[in-house]
């Protein structure tokens, strides 16, 4: 980064005030690109913009650009990649929510297997499973837990994988019915 606001950042990369000024200048450009791309979802746009800026610093994106214009393009590309990651994550989470919702209440055996798996979960994981089984969406779970949508989606995805492992282990001990339920979670 050489021109404009970027000059003061490169002159002293430890100058927090210069970084703050530069990010304040860049934030609206990246945010509004995402805002348009998400169809007006302000929360998701803010979250992805922040994540893009964090990645820009973490992976030293500022060393890969020469001008503010290049930095803006680089940040926008990173932000669009973050948004794509978010959409992939959301699709995976919706899949587990659908799997659990489909089987919820459909079989006494399923509930029994889920209860057995639940006993092997940590308290926080059981709490998350209860919310999912109660029909709460990922956004609602995130709001209830006071975490971002992305964090909730990640926790739900990990919970899905953990339950699949537990059910697979149960099937080794108790027969094939648990394995069938494990496959329904994948």
Protein backbone atom coordinates (compact mmCIF):
# COMPACT_ATOMS: atom_id res chain seq x y z
CA UNK A 1 0.00 0.00 0.00
CA UNK A 2 1.58 3.24 -1.05
CA UNK A 3 -0.93 5.97 -1.79
CA UNK A 4 -3.43 7.94 0.28
CA UNK A 5 -4.29 6.77 3.75
CA UNK A 6 -2.21 3.67 3.21
CA UNK A 7 1.02 5.72 3.22
CA UNK A 8 0.67 6.55 6.88
CA UNK A 9 -0.04 2.90 7.70
CA UNK A 10 3.05 1.65 5.88
CA UNK A 11 5.25 4.37 7.31
CA UNK A 12 4.64 2.89 10.76
CA UNK A 13 2.78 -0.43 10.74
CA UNK A 14 2.52 -0.29 14.55
CA UNK A 15 0.63 3.01 14.44
CA UNK A 16 -2.80 2.04 15.75
CA UNK A 17 -4.31 5.41 14.91
CA UNK A 18 -3.24 5.10 11.27
CA UNK A 19 -4.73 1.59 11.06
CA UNK A 20 -7.98 2.78 12.62
CA UNK A 21 -8.20 5.65 10.14
CA UNK A 22 -7.50 3.33 7.22
CA UNK A 23 -10.05 0.74 8.33
CA UNK A 24 -12.68 3.42 8.89
CA UNK A 25 -12.12 4.49 5.29
CA UNK A 26 -12.25 0.92 3.94
CA UNK A 27 -15.07 -0.49 6.05
CA UNK A 28 -18.00 1.21 4.24
CA UNK A 29 -16.75 0.13 0.82
CA UNK A 30 -16.50 -3.51 1.82
CA UNK A 31 -19.67 -3.46 3.93
CA UNK A 32 -21.88 -2.02 1.18
CA UNK A 33 -20.60 -4.54 -1.34
CA UNK A 34 -21.62 -7.34 1.03
CA UNK A 35 -24.86 -5.59 1.94
CA UNK A 36 -25.90 -5.57 -1.70
CA UNK A 37 -24.71 -9.16 -2.21
CA UNK A 38 -26.69 -10.43 0.81
CA UNK A 39 -29.88 -8.69 -0.25
CA UNK A 40 -29.76 -6.23 2.63
CA UNK A 41 -28.75 -8.51 5.52
CA UNK A 42 -27.00 -5.96 7.75
CA UNK A 43 -25.90 -8.41 10.47
CA UNK A 44 -24.32 -10.85 8.06
CA UNK A 45 -22.68 -8.00 6.14
CA UNK A 46 -21.15 -6.58 9.32
CA UNK A 47 -19.94 -9.97 10.49
CA UNK A 48 -18.33 -10.82 7.14
CA UNK A 49 -16.76 -7.36 6.81
CA UNK A 50 -15.21 -7.67 10.25
CA UNK A 51 -13.95 -11.18 9.48
CA UNK A 52 -12.44 -9.97 6.18
CA UNK A 53 -10.58 -7.19 7.93
CA UNK A 54 -9.29 -9.60 10.54
CA UNK A 55 -8.06 -11.93 7.80
CA UNK A 56 -6.46 -8.99 6.01
CA UNK A 57 -4.33 -8.36 9.09
CA UNK A 58 -3.76 -11.98 10.11
CA UNK A 59 -2.56 -13.04 6.67
CA UNK A 60 -0.71 -9.76 6.03
CA UNK A 61 -2.79 -8.76 3.03
CA UNK A 62 -1.34 -5.28 3.30
CA UNK A 63 2.00 -6.69 2.12
CA UNK A 64 0.37 -7.94 -1.09
CA UNK A 65 -1.07 -4.63 -2.28
CA UNK A 66 0.47 -1.36 -3.45
CA UNK A 67 -2.43 1.10 -3.47
CA UNK A 68 -5.65 1.83 -1.63
CA UNK A 69 -7.51 0.72 -4.75
CA UNK A 70 -5.76 -2.67 -4.72
CA UNK A 71 -6.35 -2.97 -0.99
CA UNK A 72 -10.05 -2.30 -1.47
CA UNK A 73 -10.28 -4.92 -4.22
CA UNK A 74 -8.34 -7.38 -2.07
CA UNK A 75 -10.57 -6.76 0.96
CA UNK A 76 -13.72 -7.09 -1.12
CA UNK A 77 -12.51 -10.42 -2.53
CA UNK A 78 -11.65 -11.68 0.97
CA UNK A 79 -15.06 -10.51 2.21
CA UNK A 80 -16.85 -12.31 -0.64
CA UNK A 81 -14.88 -15.46 0.22
CA UNK A 82 -15.94 -15.10 3.87
CA UNK A 83 -19.54 -14.73 2.71
CA UNK A 84 -19.22 -17.87 0.58
CA UNK A 85 -17.82 -19.72 3.60
CA UNK A 86 -20.76 -18.47 5.64
CA UNK A 87 -23.26 -19.74 3.07
CA UNK A 88 -21.58 -23.17 2.93
CA UNK A 89 -21.66 -23.34 6.71
CA UNK A 90 -25.32 -22.31 6.78
CA UNK A 91 -26.25 -25.03 4.29
CA UNK A 92 -24.53 -27.66 6.46
CA UNK A 93 -26.31 -26.38 9.57
CA UNK A 94 -29.68 -26.33 7.85
CA UNK A 95 -29.02 -29.92 6.85
CA UNK A 96 -28.55 -31.09 10.45
CA UNK A 97 -31.54 -29.04 11.60
CA UNK A 98 -33.59 -30.72 8.89
CA UNK A 99 -32.29 -34.17 9.80
CA UNK A 100 -33.13 -33.73 13.45
CA UNK A 101 -36.48 -32.10 12.72
CA UNK A 102 -37.45 -34.92 10.33
CA UNK A 103 -36.72 -37.63 12.84
CA UNK A 104 -37.86 -35.72 15.91
CA UNK A 105 -41.00 -37.34 17.19
CA UNK A 106 -41.08 -39.85 14.35
CA UNK A 107 -39.69 -42.75 16.31
CA UNK A 108 -39.53 -43.74 19.93
CA UNK A 109 -36.35 -45.64 19.16
CA UNK A 110 -34.77 -42.49 17.72
CA UNK A 111 -35.56 -40.55 20.89
CA UNK A 112 -34.08 -43.33 22.97
CA UNK A 113 -30.88 -43.33 20.91
CA UNK A 114 -30.66 -39.54 21.06
CA UNK A 115 -31.13 -39.63 24.83
CA UNK A 116 -28.33 -42.20 25.13
CA UNK A 117 -26.08 -40.02 22.99
CA UNK A 118 -27.09 -36.97 25.03
CA UNK A 119 -25.81 -38.58 28.19
CA UNK A 120 -22.35 -38.68 26.67
CA UNK A 121 -22.38 -35.01 25.68
CA UNK A 122 -21.03 -32.10 27.69
CA UNK A 123 -23.59 -29.88 29.38
CA UNK A 124 -23.18 -27.14 26.78
CA UNK A 125 -23.62 -29.66 23.95
CA UNK A 126 -26.78 -31.10 25.54
CA UNK A 127 -28.14 -27.59 25.89
CA UNK A 128 -27.46 -26.93 22.21
CA UNK A 129 -29.05 -30.23 21.19
CA UNK A 130 -32.17 -29.42 23.22
CA UNK A 131 -32.52 -26.08 21.44
CA UNK A 132 -32.16 -27.70 18.03
CA UNK A 133 -34.65 -30.44 18.88
CA UNK A 134 -37.05 -27.78 20.18
CA UNK A 135 -37.05 -26.36 16.66
CA UNK A 136 -34.97 -23.22 17.15
CA UNK A 137 -33.16 -21.94 14.05
CA UNK A 138 -29.45 -21.26 14.01
CA UNK A 139 -30.10 -17.52 14.30
CA UNK A 140 -32.35 -18.07 17.32
CA UNK A 141 -29.76 -20.33 18.96
CA UNK A 142 -27.06 -17.72 18.31
CA UNK A 143 -29.20 -15.01 19.84
CA UNK A 144 -30.08 -17.12 22.89
CA UNK A 145 -26.45 -18.03 23.51
CA UNK A 146 -25.19 -14.52 22.84
CA UNK A 147 -22.84 -15.63 20.04
CA UNK A 148 -22.55 -14.88 16.34
CA UNK A 149 -24.46 -16.83 13.73
CA UNK A 150 -21.21 -18.29 12.45
CA UNK A 151 -20.18 -19.48 15.92
CA UNK A 152 -23.58 -21.12 16.41
CA UNK A 153 -23.37 -22.77 13.00
CA UNK A 154 -19.93 -24.13 13.83
CA UNK A 155 -21.09 -25.48 17.18
CA UNK A 156 -24.09 -27.16 15.60
CA UNK A 157 -21.93 -28.71 12.90
CA UNK A 158 -19.48 -30.05 15.49
CA UNK A 159 -22.35 -31.36 17.58
CA UNK A 160 -23.69 -33.21 14.55
CA UNK A 161 -20.33 -34.89 14.02
CA UNK A 162 -20.00 -35.75 17.72
CA UNK A 163 -23.48 -37.31 17.84
CA UNK A 164 -22.69 -39.36 14.72
CA UNK A 165 -19.56 -40.74 16.43
CA UNK A 166 -21.44 -41.49 19.65
CA UNK A 167 -24.24 -43.24 17.77
CA UNK A 168 -21.71 -45.23 15.76
CA UNK A 169 -20.08 -46.35 19.02
CA UNK A 170 -23.49 -47.24 20.43
CA UNK A 171 -24.21 -49.33 17.36
CA UNK A 172 -21.06 -51.34 17.99
CA UNK A 173 -22.39 -52.15 21.45
CA UNK A 174 -26.13 -52.31 20.89
CA UNK A 175 -26.77 -53.43 17.32
CA UNK A 176 -27.36 -51.82 13.97
CA UNK A 177 -30.24 -49.48 14.83
CA UNK A 178 -27.88 -46.78 16.12
CA UNK A 179 -25.83 -46.99 12.92
CA UNK A 180 -28.97 -46.33 10.90
CA UNK A 181 -29.67 -43.23 12.96
CA UNK A 182 -26.04 -42.15 12.67
CA UNK A 183 -26.34 -42.29 8.88
CA UNK A 184 -29.45 -40.11 9.01
CA UNK A 185 -27.35 -37.40 10.66
CA UNK A 186 -24.72 -37.34 7.91
